[in-house]
Amino acid sequence: MRSLPEADPGVPDLRSPLRYLWWNARRQMPQLLAGIGFATLWWLVQALMPAVLGKGIEAVTAKDTRALLMWASILLGLGLLQAFTGIMRHRMAVYNWLAAAYRTVQLTSGHAARLGATLPKRLSTGEVVSVGNSDIAHIGSSMDILLRGVGSVVAVVTVTVILISTSLPLGLLVLFGVPLMAVAVGPLLRPMHKRQRVQRELSGELSTRAADIVAGLRVLRGIGGEQVFAERYRAESQRVRHAGVRVAGIESVLEGAQIVLPGLLIALVTGIGATFAVAGEIPTGQLVAFYLYAVFLIGPMRTFTEAADKITKGHVAAGRVIRILSIEPEMTGGTGSSEGGVLRDSYSGVTLQPGSLTAVAASTPDDAAAIADRLGRYAEGDVTFGAVELRTLPIDQVRSRILVADNGARLFNGRLRDELDVRGGADDDEVRAALHAACATDIVDALPEGLDAEVAEAGREFSGGQQQRLRLARALLSDPEVLILVEPTSAVDAHSEARIADRLAKARAGRTTMICTTSPLVLDRAEHVIYVEDGRVLAEGTHRQLLDTSPQYAATVTRGED
């Protein structure tokens, strides 16, 4: 049993879709060649059977028992060989399909993880879903069809040689008839692929619409907009359905052509062969063989069309995969190192002292979020970490040492314990301590299976406030060197907010922490408060000092109330 996927998918060739497909083929070349070998032998065995059967019929006509037994034995041997090669061809076809598909899955999922927040900015959800649902399968199919496609070419050449050696007119008829049939169905491929591309694009847009509706379902229900968006989704789904019907229409024509055209060739070959047999130019056995060859050629003919279709689809799919793999992360790092220390954003003037609990209150929430992004290296900025510039550190080192937790973070599906302990290795006491600090213990206690409960996708079973507290517990359990929290209590009630503010200071004692908030309950528990206006530090001090000395700060955190 072969192990899939590979430990290392390698570095893909992204210069063009064909180069990506060829790179995929090279990565599994031994298995691909083995599959082509089995497929070729499988087709050749089938190509030889009509000739052997014809010889057997001639032996019956001649009442030659010995010859009949010999040809019957050969036919039995060919049947057994066909069964063996058919099994091995199918095994290798499945392996090559899975290898190419899973290699692409590894590449796209790994690159998506590296891109992080860059991916949704550059591609829609629907397009990413479309790559995962269909394009990966098309790339696998483009590898699978190579086996039968190459073998069918060899089979047609073999049959043509046999027919020409037996009857020159019939051989030439097959020699020119097969390419003409392939050319005849060719014009159908272009409009079919155009319609398929339109359908995939519409399907991707519909997936994006569905994801947006699910994500904002609570809001839609709150404002009464659920029915409006449901109608929009229904209208778009009908567009996808109509596009699918148009694709099915031309595919049905193509399928019909693949039956009708070879049928015409069969009728022509059989008719001419019968004329030769009546005239005594060929024996009856050869006439039967000619008919069987004409029937046999339907298989390779359909394989040619299928190969053209699947390789074209694979080419289109490879282009979409390349589009994802070619996206560069917005943020890159260097090769420097830092022992830590003061984290400072030069543009705003926000400075985080090691081991301190600092709160940043901004007149505009976007200003605080922008500062958090620069300090966490999610946006460009002149930021220093100790004695070095943050941009010079490797990006994976920045991510492991500085954690920015905002309300855009999602809960994933799976066991709650694993969802909270993302770095692994935390015991129950540490998990419970993080839950206690985030006031999320009651959420877990209410679950029948506690920490072993399964979380649905995006944590849909939890309310907005519960999700926020669980995200805070996950951030605390990660225990980074620097933790930056953006509005961590915006969705919880005042009592929970006060408890979180008290417990957060204790949970992060001695470690650098920054909280972006305008909540007086949280600001009052911070060691140091920085007030930002128009993106720049305007005042610093404790919460109570700033209430007395900065009217702008007081107006921001009290919402203009006296």
Protein backbone atom coordinates (compact mmCIF):
# COMPACT_ATOMS: atom_id res chain seq x y z
CA MET A 1 0.00 0.00 0.00
CA ARG A 2 1.53 3.32 -1.05
CA SER A 3 1.53 6.27 1.33
CA LEU A 4 -0.15 9.46 0.14
CA PRO A 5 0.38 12.34 0.23
CA GLU A 6 4.13 12.77 -0.02
CA ALA A 7 6.06 14.22 2.88
CA ASP A 8 7.54 16.90 0.61
CA PRO A 9 5.52 17.95 -2.47
CA GLY A 10 8.52 19.81 -3.89
CA VAL A 11 8.82 23.19 -5.58
CA PRO A 12 6.33 23.53 -8.46
CA ASP A 13 7.05 25.07 -11.85
CA LEU A 14 4.70 28.06 -12.04
CA ARG A 15 5.81 29.52 -15.36
CA SER A 16 2.71 28.24 -17.18
CA PRO A 17 -0.14 25.74 -16.69
CA LEU A 18 1.50 23.23 -19.05
CA ARG A 19 4.78 23.49 -17.18
CA TYR A 20 2.94 22.89 -13.90
CA LEU A 21 1.27 19.77 -15.33
CA TRP A 22 4.60 18.55 -16.72
CA TRP A 23 6.24 19.17 -13.32
CA ASN A 24 3.50 17.09 -11.72
CA ALA A 25 4.10 14.31 -14.24
CA ARG A 26 7.87 14.35 -13.57
CA ARG A 27 7.28 14.04 -9.81
CA GLN A 28 5.52 10.70 -10.38
CA MET A 29 7.28 9.62 -13.58
CA PRO A 30 8.09 5.99 -12.53
CA GLN A 31 4.48 5.33 -11.58
CA LEU A 32 3.24 7.17 -14.66
CA LEU A 33 5.46 5.12 -16.99
CA ALA A 34 4.42 1.89 -15.26
CA GLY A 35 0.78 2.83 -15.71
CA ILE A 36 1.33 3.72 -19.38
CA GLY A 37 3.03 0.36 -19.86
CA PHE A 38 0.15 -1.58 -18.34
CA ALA A 39 -2.42 0.50 -20.25
CA THR A 40 -0.58 -0.01 -23.54
CA LEU A 41 -0.38 -3.77 -23.01
CA TRP A 42 -4.06 -3.80 -22.01
CA TRP A 43 -5.05 -2.10 -25.25
CA LEU A 44 -2.71 -4.28 -27.36
CA VAL A 45 -4.21 -7.47 -25.95
CA GLN A 46 -7.66 -6.25 -26.93
CA ALA A 47 -6.35 -5.26 -30.36
CA LEU A 48 -5.01 -8.78 -30.98
CA MET A 49 -8.17 -10.59 -29.88
CA PRO A 50 -10.18 -9.98 -33.11
CA ALA A 51 -7.33 -11.40 -35.20
CA VAL A 52 -7.11 -14.52 -33.00
CA LEU A 53 -10.89 -14.91 -33.05
CA GLY A 54 -10.87 -14.62 -36.84
CA LYS A 55 -8.23 -17.35 -37.03
CA GLY A 56 -10.37 -19.52 -34.80
CA ILE A 57 -13.38 -19.08 -37.07
CA GLU A 58 -11.24 -20.01 -40.06
CA ALA A 59 -10.18 -23.16 -38.18
CA VAL A 60 -13.83 -24.03 -37.59
CA THR A 61 -14.60 -23.46 -41.27
CA ALA A 62 -11.68 -25.69 -42.23
CA LYS A 63 -12.69 -28.27 -39.56
CA ASP A 64 -9.13 -28.17 -38.18
CA THR A 65 -9.57 -29.23 -34.53
CA ARG A 66 -5.91 -28.84 -33.65
CA ALA A 67 -5.76 -25.29 -34.99
CA LEU A 68 -9.04 -24.51 -33.23
CA LEU A 69 -7.67 -25.67 -29.87
CA MET A 70 -4.47 -23.69 -30.41
CA TRP A 71 -6.28 -20.44 -31.23
CA ALA A 72 -8.74 -21.02 -28.38
CA SER A 73 -5.82 -21.45 -25.98
CA ILE A 74 -4.21 -18.28 -27.26
CA LEU A 75 -7.52 -16.43 -26.84
CA LEU A 76 -7.77 -17.70 -23.25
CA GLY A 77 -4.23 -16.56 -22.53
CA LEU A 78 -4.97 -13.14 -23.99
CA GLY A 79 -8.10 -12.93 -21.82
CA LEU A 80 -6.13 -13.70 -18.66
CA LEU A 81 -3.44 -11.20 -19.65
CA GLN A 82 -6.11 -8.59 -20.31
CA ALA A 83 -7.59 -9.17 -16.86
CA PHE A 84 -4.19 -8.79 -15.18
CA THR A 85 -3.13 -5.72 -17.14
CA GLY A 86 -6.59 -4.19 -16.66
CA ILE A 87 -6.31 -4.53 -12.89
CA MET A 88 -2.80 -3.10 -12.80
CA ARG A 89 -3.72 -0.28 -15.20
CA HIS A 90 -6.60 0.71 -12.97
CA ARG A 91 -4.44 0.56 -9.82
CA MET A 92 -1.78 2.75 -11.39
CA ALA A 93 -4.44 5.13 -12.77
CA VAL A 94 -5.92 5.60 -9.29
CA TYR A 95 -2.47 6.11 -7.79
CA ASN A 96 -1.49 8.71 -10.39
CA TRP A 97 -4.82 10.52 -9.98
CA LEU A 98 -4.46 10.65 -6.20
CA ALA A 99 -0.76 11.57 -6.29
CA ALA A 100 -1.32 14.56 -8.59
CA ALA A 101 -4.44 15.70 -6.75
CA TYR A 102 -2.99 15.39 -3.25
CA ARG A 103 0.25 17.03 -4.29
CA THR A 104 -1.78 20.00 -5.47
CA VAL A 105 -3.77 19.93 -2.21
CA GLN A 106 -0.52 20.04 -0.24
CA LEU A 107 0.81 22.93 -2.27
CA THR A 108 -2.35 25.05 -2.20
CA SER A 109 -3.22 24.44 1.46
CA GLY A 110 0.37 25.05 2.58
CA HIS A 111 0.62 28.23 0.52
CA ALA A 112 -2.78 29.42 1.77
CA ALA A 113 -1.53 28.99 5.34
CA ARG A 114 1.60 31.00 4.54
CA LEU A 115 -0.43 33.74 2.87
CA GLY A 116 -2.72 34.12 5.89
CA ALA A 117 -4.73 37.33 5.63
CA THR A 118 -3.32 38.04 2.15
CA LEU A 119 -5.36 35.29 0.48
CA PRO A 120 -8.89 36.62 1.12
CA LYS A 121 -7.74 40.06 -0.01
CA ARG A 122 -6.60 38.72 -3.39
CA LEU A 123 -9.11 35.95 -4.10
CA SER A 124 -12.78 35.47 -3.30
CA THR A 125 -13.93 32.63 -1.06
CA GLY A 126 -15.80 31.08 -3.97
CA GLU A 127 -12.70 30.90 -6.16
CA VAL A 128 -10.71 29.20 -3.43
CA VAL A 129 -13.57 26.75 -2.83
CA SER A 130 -13.78 26.06 -6.57
CA VAL A 131 -10.09 25.13 -6.66
CA GLY A 132 -10.61 22.72 -3.78
CA ASN A 133 -13.82 21.21 -5.15
CA SER A 134 -13.13 20.76 -8.86
CA ASP A 135 -9.77 22.00 -10.10
CA ILE A 136 -7.76 19.58 -7.99
CA ALA A 137 -9.82 16.71 -9.40
CA HIS A 138 -9.24 17.93 -12.96
CA ILE A 139 -5.47 17.96 -12.40
CA GLY A 140 -5.66 14.39 -11.12
CA SER A 141 -7.75 13.37 -14.14
CA SER A 142 -5.22 14.92 -16.52
CA MET A 143 -2.61 12.50 -15.13
CA ASP A 144 -4.99 9.53 -15.12
CA ILE A 145 -6.03 9.91 -18.78
CA LEU A 146 -2.40 9.87 -19.94
CA LEU A 147 -2.28 6.14 -19.28
CA ARG A 148 -5.21 5.15 -21.49
CA GLY A 149 -4.51 7.95 -23.96
CA VAL A 150 -1.00 6.77 -24.84
CA GLY A 151 -2.13 3.15 -24.88
CA SER A 152 -5.04 3.94 -27.21
CA VAL A 153 -2.67 5.58 -29.71
CA VAL A 154 -0.53 2.43 -29.77
CA ALA A 155 -3.66 0.28 -30.15
CA VAL A 156 -4.97 2.28 -33.12
CA VAL A 157 -1.56 2.10 -34.83
CA THR A 158 -1.45 -1.66 -34.24
CA VAL A 159 -4.95 -2.22 -35.63
CA THR A 160 -4.18 -0.07 -38.66
CA VAL A 161 -1.03 -2.09 -39.41
CA ILE A 162 -2.97 -5.36 -39.10
CA LEU A 163 -5.75 -4.13 -41.36
CA ILE A 164 -3.36 -2.77 -44.01
CA SER A 165 -1.42 -6.04 -44.06
CA THR A 166 -4.70 -7.93 -44.50
CA SER A 167 -6.65 -5.56 -46.79
CA LEU A 168 -5.13 -2.35 -48.05
CA PRO A 169 -8.46 -0.57 -48.74
CA LEU A 170 -9.87 -1.38 -45.28
CA GLY A 171 -6.63 -0.44 -43.60
CA LEU A 172 -6.52 2.91 -45.35
CA LEU A 173 -10.18 3.48 -44.48
CA VAL A 174 -9.39 3.05 -40.79
CA LEU A 175 -6.14 4.98 -41.08
CA PHE A 176 -7.90 8.07 -42.42
CA GLY A 177 -11.29 7.52 -40.81
CA VAL A 178 -10.11 7.66 -37.20
CA PRO A 179 -8.35 11.06 -37.49
CA LEU A 180 -11.33 12.48 -39.41
CA MET A 181 -13.67 11.49 -36.59
CA ALA A 182 -11.36 13.09 -34.05
CA VAL A 183 -11.32 16.28 -36.10
CA ALA A 184 -15.10 16.19 -36.43
CA VAL A 185 -15.69 16.32 -32.66
CA GLY A 186 -12.92 18.89 -32.11
CA PRO A 187 -15.11 21.96 -32.80
CA LEU A 188 -17.38 20.91 -29.93
CA LEU A 189 -14.61 21.07 -27.35
CA ARG A 190 -13.98 24.83 -27.43
CA PRO A 191 -17.59 25.95 -26.78
CA MET A 192 -17.95 23.22 -24.16
CA HIS A 193 -14.92 24.44 -22.23
CA LYS A 194 -16.09 28.05 -22.57
CA ARG A 195 -19.43 27.13 -21.04
CA GLN A 196 -17.72 25.09 -18.33
CA ARG A 197 -15.53 28.06 -17.45
CA VAL A 198 -18.58 30.33 -17.17
CA GLN A 199 -20.32 27.78 -14.97
CA ARG A 200 -17.27 27.49 -12.67
CA GLU A 201 -17.03 31.26 -12.34
CA LEU A 202 -20.73 31.56 -11.50
CA SER A 203 -20.44 28.66 -9.07
CA GLY A 204 -17.50 30.38 -7.37
CA GLU A 205 -19.48 33.60 -7.04
CA LEU A 206 -22.41 31.65 -5.60
CA SER A 207 -20.10 30.00 -3.04
CA THR A 208 -18.82 33.42 -2.02
CA ARG A 209 -22.39 34.66 -1.64
CA ALA A 210 -23.28 31.63 0.49
CA ALA A 211 -20.24 32.12 2.74
CA ASP A 212 -21.11 35.80 3.23
CA ILE A 213 -24.72 34.98 4.09
CA VAL A 214 -23.74 32.30 6.61
CA ALA A 215 -21.14 34.57 8.21
CA GLY A 216 -23.62 37.44 8.59
CA LEU A 217 -26.76 35.42 9.30
CA ARG A 218 -27.28 36.79 12.79
CA VAL A 219 -26.93 40.36 11.55
CA LEU A 220 -29.28 39.73 8.64
CA ARG A 221 -31.91 38.33 10.97
CA GLY A 222 -31.47 41.29 13.28
CA ILE A 223 -32.16 43.85 10.56
CA GLY A 224 -34.75 41.80 8.71
CA GLY A 225 -32.61 41.33 5.62
CA GLU A 226 -32.61 37.54 5.58
CA GLN A 227 -35.36 37.25 2.95
CA VAL A 228 -33.73 39.81 0.66
CA PHE A 229 -30.43 37.94 0.59
CA ALA A 230 -32.24 34.61 0.24
CA GLU A 231 -33.92 35.93 -2.90
CA ARG A 232 -30.57 37.10 -4.28
CA TYR A 233 -29.05 33.70 -3.57
CA ARG A 234 -32.00 31.99 -5.27
CA ALA A 235 -31.61 34.16 -8.37
CA GLU A 236 -27.86 33.50 -8.57
CA SER A 237 -28.38 29.76 -8.04
CA GLN A 238 -30.74 29.75 -11.02
CA ARG A 239 -28.03 31.38 -13.12
CA VAL A 240 -25.66 28.58 -12.10
CA ARG A 241 -28.35 26.01 -12.95
CA HIS A 242 -28.94 27.51 -16.40
CA ALA A 243 -25.19 27.54 -17.03
CA GLY A 244 -25.03 23.89 -15.99
CA VAL A 245 -27.86 23.01 -18.38
CA ARG A 246 -25.98 24.73 -21.22
CA VAL A 247 -22.88 22.68 -20.39
CA ALA A 248 -24.94 19.49 -20.25
CA GLY A 249 -26.47 20.30 -23.63
CA ILE A 250 -23.19 20.48 -25.48
CA GLU A 251 -21.79 17.51 -23.52
CA SER A 252 -24.75 15.41 -24.66
CA VAL A 253 -24.05 16.39 -28.27
CA LEU A 254 -20.41 15.40 -27.79
CA GLU A 255 -21.41 12.05 -26.26
CA GLY A 256 -23.79 11.42 -29.14
CA ALA A 257 -21.10 12.25 -31.69
CA GLN A 258 -18.75 9.81 -30.01
CA ILE A 259 -21.29 7.05 -30.65
CA VAL A 260 -22.63 8.06 -34.06
CA LEU A 261 -19.32 8.73 -35.81
CA PRO A 262 -17.63 5.45 -34.82
CA GLY A 263 -20.91 3.72 -35.67
CA LEU A 264 -20.72 5.09 -39.20
CA LEU A 265 -17.14 3.85 -39.49
CA ILE A 266 -18.22 0.41 -38.24
CA ALA A 267 -21.02 0.25 -40.80
CA LEU A 268 -18.67 1.35 -43.60
CA VAL A 269 -15.90 -1.11 -42.70
CA THR A 270 -18.37 -3.96 -42.25
CA GLY A 271 -20.13 -3.19 -45.52
CA ILE A 272 -16.94 -3.04 -47.55
CA GLY A 273 -15.60 -6.12 -45.77
CA ALA A 274 -18.80 -8.03 -46.54
CA THR A 275 -18.44 -7.07 -50.20
CA PHE A 276 -14.88 -8.43 -50.20
CA ALA A 277 -16.04 -11.64 -48.47
CA VAL A 278 -18.84 -12.23 -50.98
CA ALA A 279 -16.37 -11.68 -53.80
CA GLY A 280 -14.06 -14.24 -52.19
CA GLU A 281 -11.25 -11.75 -51.66
CA ILE A 282 -11.13 -12.36 -47.90
CA PRO A 283 -12.25 -15.36 -45.82
CA THR A 284 -15.22 -15.24 -43.41
CA GLY A 285 -12.95 -15.22 -40.38
CA GLN A 286 -11.25 -12.04 -41.55
CA LEU A 287 -14.63 -10.40 -42.13
CA VAL A 288 -15.57 -11.11 -38.52
CA ALA A 289 -12.18 -9.76 -37.42
CA PHE A 290 -12.71 -6.58 -39.43
CA TYR A 291 -16.10 -6.05 -37.82
CA LEU A 292 -14.65 -6.61 -34.34
CA TYR A 293 -11.81 -4.21 -35.10
CA ALA A 294 -14.28 -1.55 -36.14
CA VAL A 295 -16.22 -2.08 -32.89
CA PHE A 296 -12.98 -2.12 -30.90
CA LEU A 297 -11.95 1.24 -32.33
CA ILE A 298 -14.89 2.90 -30.55
CA GLY A 299 -12.92 2.56 -27.29
CA PRO A 300 -9.73 4.32 -28.44
CA MET A 301 -11.81 6.93 -30.29
CA ARG A 302 -13.73 7.84 -27.15
CA THR A 303 -10.46 7.84 -25.22
CA PHE A 304 -8.99 10.40 -27.64
CA THR A 305 -11.94 12.74 -27.06
CA GLU A 306 -11.86 12.11 -23.32
CA ALA A 307 -8.13 12.83 -23.25
CA ALA A 308 -8.60 16.12 -25.12
CA ASP A 309 -11.37 17.10 -22.71
CA LYS A 310 -9.55 16.15 -19.50
CA ILE A 311 -6.20 17.61 -20.51
CA THR A 312 -7.90 20.87 -21.47
CA LYS A 313 -9.74 20.94 -18.15
CA GLY A 314 -6.48 20.13 -16.39
CA HIS A 315 -4.80 23.01 -18.21
CA VAL A 316 -7.52 25.44 -17.08
CA ALA A 317 -7.39 24.04 -13.53
CA ALA A 318 -3.60 24.32 -13.43
CA GLY A 319 -3.91 27.98 -14.39
CA ARG A 320 -6.21 28.61 -11.42
CA VAL A 321 -3.88 26.72 -9.08
CA ILE A 322 -0.91 28.73 -10.38
CA ARG A 323 -2.84 31.90 -9.66
CA ILE A 324 -3.02 30.94 -5.99
CA LEU A 325 0.55 29.65 -5.78
CA SER A 326 1.89 32.80 -7.47
CA ILE A 327 0.43 35.13 -4.85
CA GLU A 328 3.20 36.53 -2.70
CA PRO A 329 2.60 37.26 0.99
CA GLU A 330 2.13 40.94 1.68
CA MET A 331 4.66 40.71 4.47
CA THR A 332 8.06 39.10 4.18
CA GLY A 333 10.88 38.79 6.65
CA GLY A 334 14.63 38.80 6.74
CA THR A 335 17.27 36.66 8.37
CA GLY A 336 18.05 38.79 11.41
CA SER A 337 17.54 37.98 15.08
CA SER A 338 16.44 39.85 18.18
CA GLU A 339 16.58 39.10 21.87
CA GLY A 340 13.44 41.17 22.36
CA GLY A 341 12.95 44.30 24.38
CA VAL A 342 11.00 47.47 23.66
CA LEU A 343 8.50 47.19 20.79
CA ARG A 344 8.03 50.60 19.17
CA ASP A 345 5.98 51.91 16.26
CA SER A 346 7.80 55.02 15.07
CA TYR A 347 4.91 56.38 13.02
CA SER A 348 2.43 56.61 15.88
CA GLY A 349 4.94 56.78 18.73
CA VAL A 350 3.34 53.84 20.57
CA THR A 351 5.97 52.11 22.71
CA LEU A 352 5.47 48.84 24.60
CA GLN A 353 7.81 48.31 27.52
CA PRO A 354 8.82 44.69 28.22
CA GLY A 355 6.59 43.00 30.77
CA SER A 356 4.04 45.84 30.90
CA LEU A 357 0.27 45.84 30.38
CA THR A 358 -0.39 48.76 28.03
CA ALA A 359 -3.74 49.94 26.73
CA VAL A 360 -4.14 51.97 23.55
CA ALA A 361 -7.26 54.09 23.22
CA ALA A 362 -7.80 55.75 19.85
CA SER A 363 -10.32 58.35 18.82
CA THR A 364 -10.91 56.23 15.72
CA PRO A 365 -10.91 52.40 16.09
CA ASP A 366 -9.19 52.04 12.72
CA ASP A 367 -6.15 53.89 14.06
CA ALA A 368 -5.72 51.38 16.89
CA ALA A 369 -6.17 48.46 14.48
CA ALA A 370 -3.54 49.95 12.14
CA ILE A 371 -1.06 50.23 15.00
CA ALA A 372 -1.71 46.61 15.98
CA ASP A 373 -1.13 45.49 12.38
CA ARG A 374 2.19 47.33 12.17
CA LEU A 375 3.40 46.01 15.52
CA GLY A 376 2.44 42.48 14.51
CA ARG A 377 4.00 42.84 11.06
CA TYR A 378 0.69 42.52 9.23
CA ALA A 379 1.30 45.89 7.61
CA GLU A 380 4.40 47.78 6.60
CA GLY A 381 5.78 50.19 9.15
CA ASP A 382 8.88 51.51 10.85
CA VAL A 383 8.79 49.20 13.87
CA THR A 384 11.69 48.20 16.09
CA PHE A 385 11.87 45.19 18.39
CA GLY A 386 14.65 45.78 20.83
CA ALA A 387 17.67 47.00 18.92
CA VAL A 388 16.63 45.71 15.48
CA GLU A 389 13.97 46.55 12.92
CA LEU A 390 11.04 44.16 12.95
CA ARG A 391 11.13 43.74 9.16
CA THR A 392 14.58 42.14 9.39
CA LEU A 393 13.32 39.20 11.47
CA PRO A 394 12.09 35.99 9.80
CA ILE A 395 8.32 36.19 9.44
CA ASP A 396 7.74 32.85 11.19
CA GLN A 397 9.75 34.12 14.16
CA VAL A 398 7.64 37.29 14.29
CA ARG A 399 4.44 35.21 14.21
CA SER A 400 5.62 32.94 17.03
CA ARG A 401 6.78 35.81 19.29
CA ILE A 402 4.16 38.48 18.58
CA LEU A 403 0.51 37.48 18.48
CA VAL A 404 -2.18 39.87 17.27
CA ALA A 405 -5.64 38.61 18.28
CA ASP A 406 -8.59 40.50 16.84
CA ASN A 407 -12.26 39.78 16.33
CA GLY A 408 -11.66 38.66 12.77
CA ALA A 409 -10.12 35.42 14.06
CA ARG A 410 -12.27 32.31 13.61
CA LEU A 411 -12.95 29.19 15.60
CA PHE A 412 -12.39 26.10 13.51
CA ASN A 413 -14.26 22.84 13.65
CA GLY A 414 -12.87 20.01 15.76
CA ARG A 415 -12.41 19.18 19.40
CA LEU A 416 -12.62 22.26 21.64
CA ARG A 417 -9.49 21.29 23.57
CA ASP A 418 -7.48 21.16 20.35
CA GLU A 419 -9.03 24.42 19.15
CA LEU A 420 -7.88 26.23 22.29
CA ASP A 421 -4.48 24.58 22.62
CA VAL A 422 -3.25 25.43 19.12
CA ARG A 423 0.42 25.00 20.03
CA GLY A 424 -0.15 21.69 21.79
CA GLY A 425 1.21 20.36 25.05
CA ALA A 426 -0.97 22.30 27.51
CA ASP A 427 -2.42 20.30 30.40
CA ASP A 428 -5.94 20.62 31.81
CA ASP A 429 -4.84 23.04 34.53
CA GLU A 430 -3.31 25.43 31.99
CA VAL A 431 -6.39 25.25 29.76
CA ARG A 432 -8.67 25.88 32.73
CA ALA A 433 -6.53 28.82 33.84
CA ALA A 434 -6.83 30.43 30.39
CA LEU A 435 -10.59 29.83 30.38
CA HIS A 436 -10.87 31.37 33.84
CA ALA A 437 -8.93 34.46 32.79
CA ALA A 438 -11.22 34.88 29.78
CA CYS A 439 -14.37 34.23 31.86
CA ALA A 440 -15.13 31.32 29.55
CA THR A 441 -15.31 28.50 32.11
CA ASP A 442 -19.11 28.59 32.11
CA ILE A 443 -19.16 28.03 28.34
CA VAL A 444 -17.18 24.80 28.64
CA ASP A 445 -19.09 23.63 31.72
CA ALA A 446 -22.37 23.97 29.82
CA LEU A 447 -21.16 21.57 27.11
CA PRO A 448 -22.08 17.88 27.75
CA GLU A 449 -18.59 16.72 26.77
CA GLY A 450 -16.71 19.72 28.15
CA LEU A 451 -13.33 20.28 26.50
CA ASP A 452 -13.86 17.17 24.39
CA ALA A 453 -16.95 18.64 22.71
CA GLU A 454 -16.84 19.03 18.95
CA VAL A 455 -16.92 22.61 17.68
CA ALA A 456 -18.87 23.28 14.48
CA GLU A 457 -17.31 25.28 11.67
CA ALA A 458 -16.64 28.88 12.75
CA GLY A 459 -18.08 28.03 16.20
CA ARG A 460 -21.63 28.62 15.00
CA GLU A 461 -23.15 27.09 18.13
CA PHE A 462 -21.67 29.86 20.28
CA SER A 463 -22.95 33.42 20.55
CA GLY A 464 -20.79 36.37 19.55
CA GLY A 465 -19.78 37.04 23.16
CA GLN A 466 -18.97 33.37 23.78
CA GLN A 467 -16.84 33.19 20.65
CA GLN A 468 -14.96 36.30 21.74
CA ARG A 469 -14.19 34.85 25.16
CA LEU A 470 -13.06 31.54 23.66
CA ARG A 471 -10.78 33.39 21.24
CA LEU A 472 -9.30 35.30 24.17
CA ALA A 473 -8.68 32.03 26.03
CA ARG A 474 -6.94 30.63 22.96
CA ALA A 475 -4.72 33.72 22.72
CA LEU A 476 -3.80 33.52 26.41
CA LEU A 477 -3.05 29.81 26.15
CA SER A 478 -0.67 30.50 23.26
CA ASP A 479 1.36 32.55 25.76
CA PRO A 480 3.39 34.60 23.23
CA GLU A 481 6.23 36.91 24.17
CA VAL A 482 4.09 39.87 23.04
CA LEU A 483 0.30 39.69 23.00
CA ILE A 484 -1.72 42.37 21.21
CA LEU A 485 -5.48 42.23 21.78
CA VAL A 486 -7.84 44.29 19.62
CA GLU A 487 -11.16 45.06 21.33
CA PRO A 488 -11.18 41.76 23.26
CA THR A 489 -14.30 42.61 25.31
CA SER A 490 -16.49 44.46 22.80
CA ALA A 491 -19.15 41.71 22.71
CA VAL A 492 -19.38 40.80 26.43
CA ASP A 493 -21.51 42.31 29.20
CA ALA A 494 -20.13 44.81 31.71
CA HIS A 495 -19.82 42.30 34.57
CA SER A 496 -17.82 39.85 32.45
CA GLU A 497 -15.75 42.71 31.07
CA ALA A 498 -14.75 43.83 34.58
CA ARG A 499 -13.76 40.29 35.56
CA ILE A 500 -11.77 39.82 32.36
CA ALA A 501 -9.94 43.11 32.95
CA ASP A 502 -8.92 41.99 36.46
CA ARG A 503 -7.90 38.48 35.47
CA LEU A 504 -6.11 39.52 32.27
CA ALA A 505 -3.56 41.58 34.20
CA LYS A 506 -2.79 38.59 36.45
CA ALA A 507 -2.67 36.08 33.58
CA ARG A 508 -0.16 38.21 31.65
CA ALA A 509 1.88 39.40 34.62
CA GLY A 510 5.51 39.96 33.59
CA ARG A 511 4.83 39.63 29.88
CA THR A 512 4.35 42.35 27.29
CA THR A 513 0.68 42.93 26.54
CA MET A 514 -1.14 45.62 24.58
CA ILE A 515 -4.93 46.03 24.54
CA CYS A 516 -6.62 48.24 21.95
CA THR A 517 -9.84 49.38 23.61
CA THR A 518 -11.87 52.38 24.71
CA SER A 519 -13.59 50.51 27.56
CA PRO A 520 -13.11 52.40 30.85
CA LEU A 521 -13.28 49.09 32.76
CA VAL A 522 -10.28 47.71 30.88
CA LEU A 523 -8.38 51.01 30.71
CA ASP A 524 -8.65 51.47 34.48
CA ARG A 525 -6.77 48.18 35.05
CA ALA A 526 -3.93 48.89 32.62
CA GLU A 527 -0.53 49.87 33.97
CA HIS A 528 -0.06 52.42 31.21
CA VAL A 529 -2.56 54.03 28.82
CA ILE A 530 -1.72 55.66 25.50
CA TYR A 531 -4.23 57.92 23.77
CA VAL A 532 -3.97 58.14 19.98
CA GLU A 533 -5.60 60.73 17.77
CA ASP A 534 -5.18 60.98 14.01
CA GLY A 535 -2.80 58.03 14.18
CA ARG A 536 -0.34 59.72 16.60
CA VAL A 537 0.20 59.53 20.35
CA LEU A 538 -1.44 62.54 21.94
CA ALA A 539 -1.25 61.70 25.63
CA GLU A 540 0.08 59.02 27.99
CA GLY A 541 -0.43 58.10 31.63
CA THR A 542 -2.85 56.11 33.74
CA HIS A 543 -6.54 56.05 32.95
CA ARG A 544 -7.46 58.39 35.82
CA GLN A 545 -4.62 60.79 35.02
CA LEU A 546 -5.74 61.08 31.41
CA LEU A 547 -9.35 61.66 32.44
CA ASP A 548 -8.16 64.71 34.37
CA THR A 549 -5.56 66.03 31.92
CA SER A 550 -6.82 65.14 28.41
CA PRO A 551 -10.29 66.33 27.39
CA GLN A 552 -10.04 64.46 24.09
CA TYR A 553 -9.29 61.20 25.90
CA ALA A 554 -12.10 61.78 28.35
CA ALA A 555 -14.57 62.47 25.53
CA THR A 556 -13.48 59.30 23.69
CA VAL A 557 -13.70 56.84 26.58
CA THR A 558 -16.80 58.30 28.20
CA ARG A 559 -18.58 58.78 24.85
CA GLY A 560 -19.04 62.46 25.65
CA GLU A 561 -20.94 61.75 28.88
CA ASP A 562 -20.31 63.78 32.01
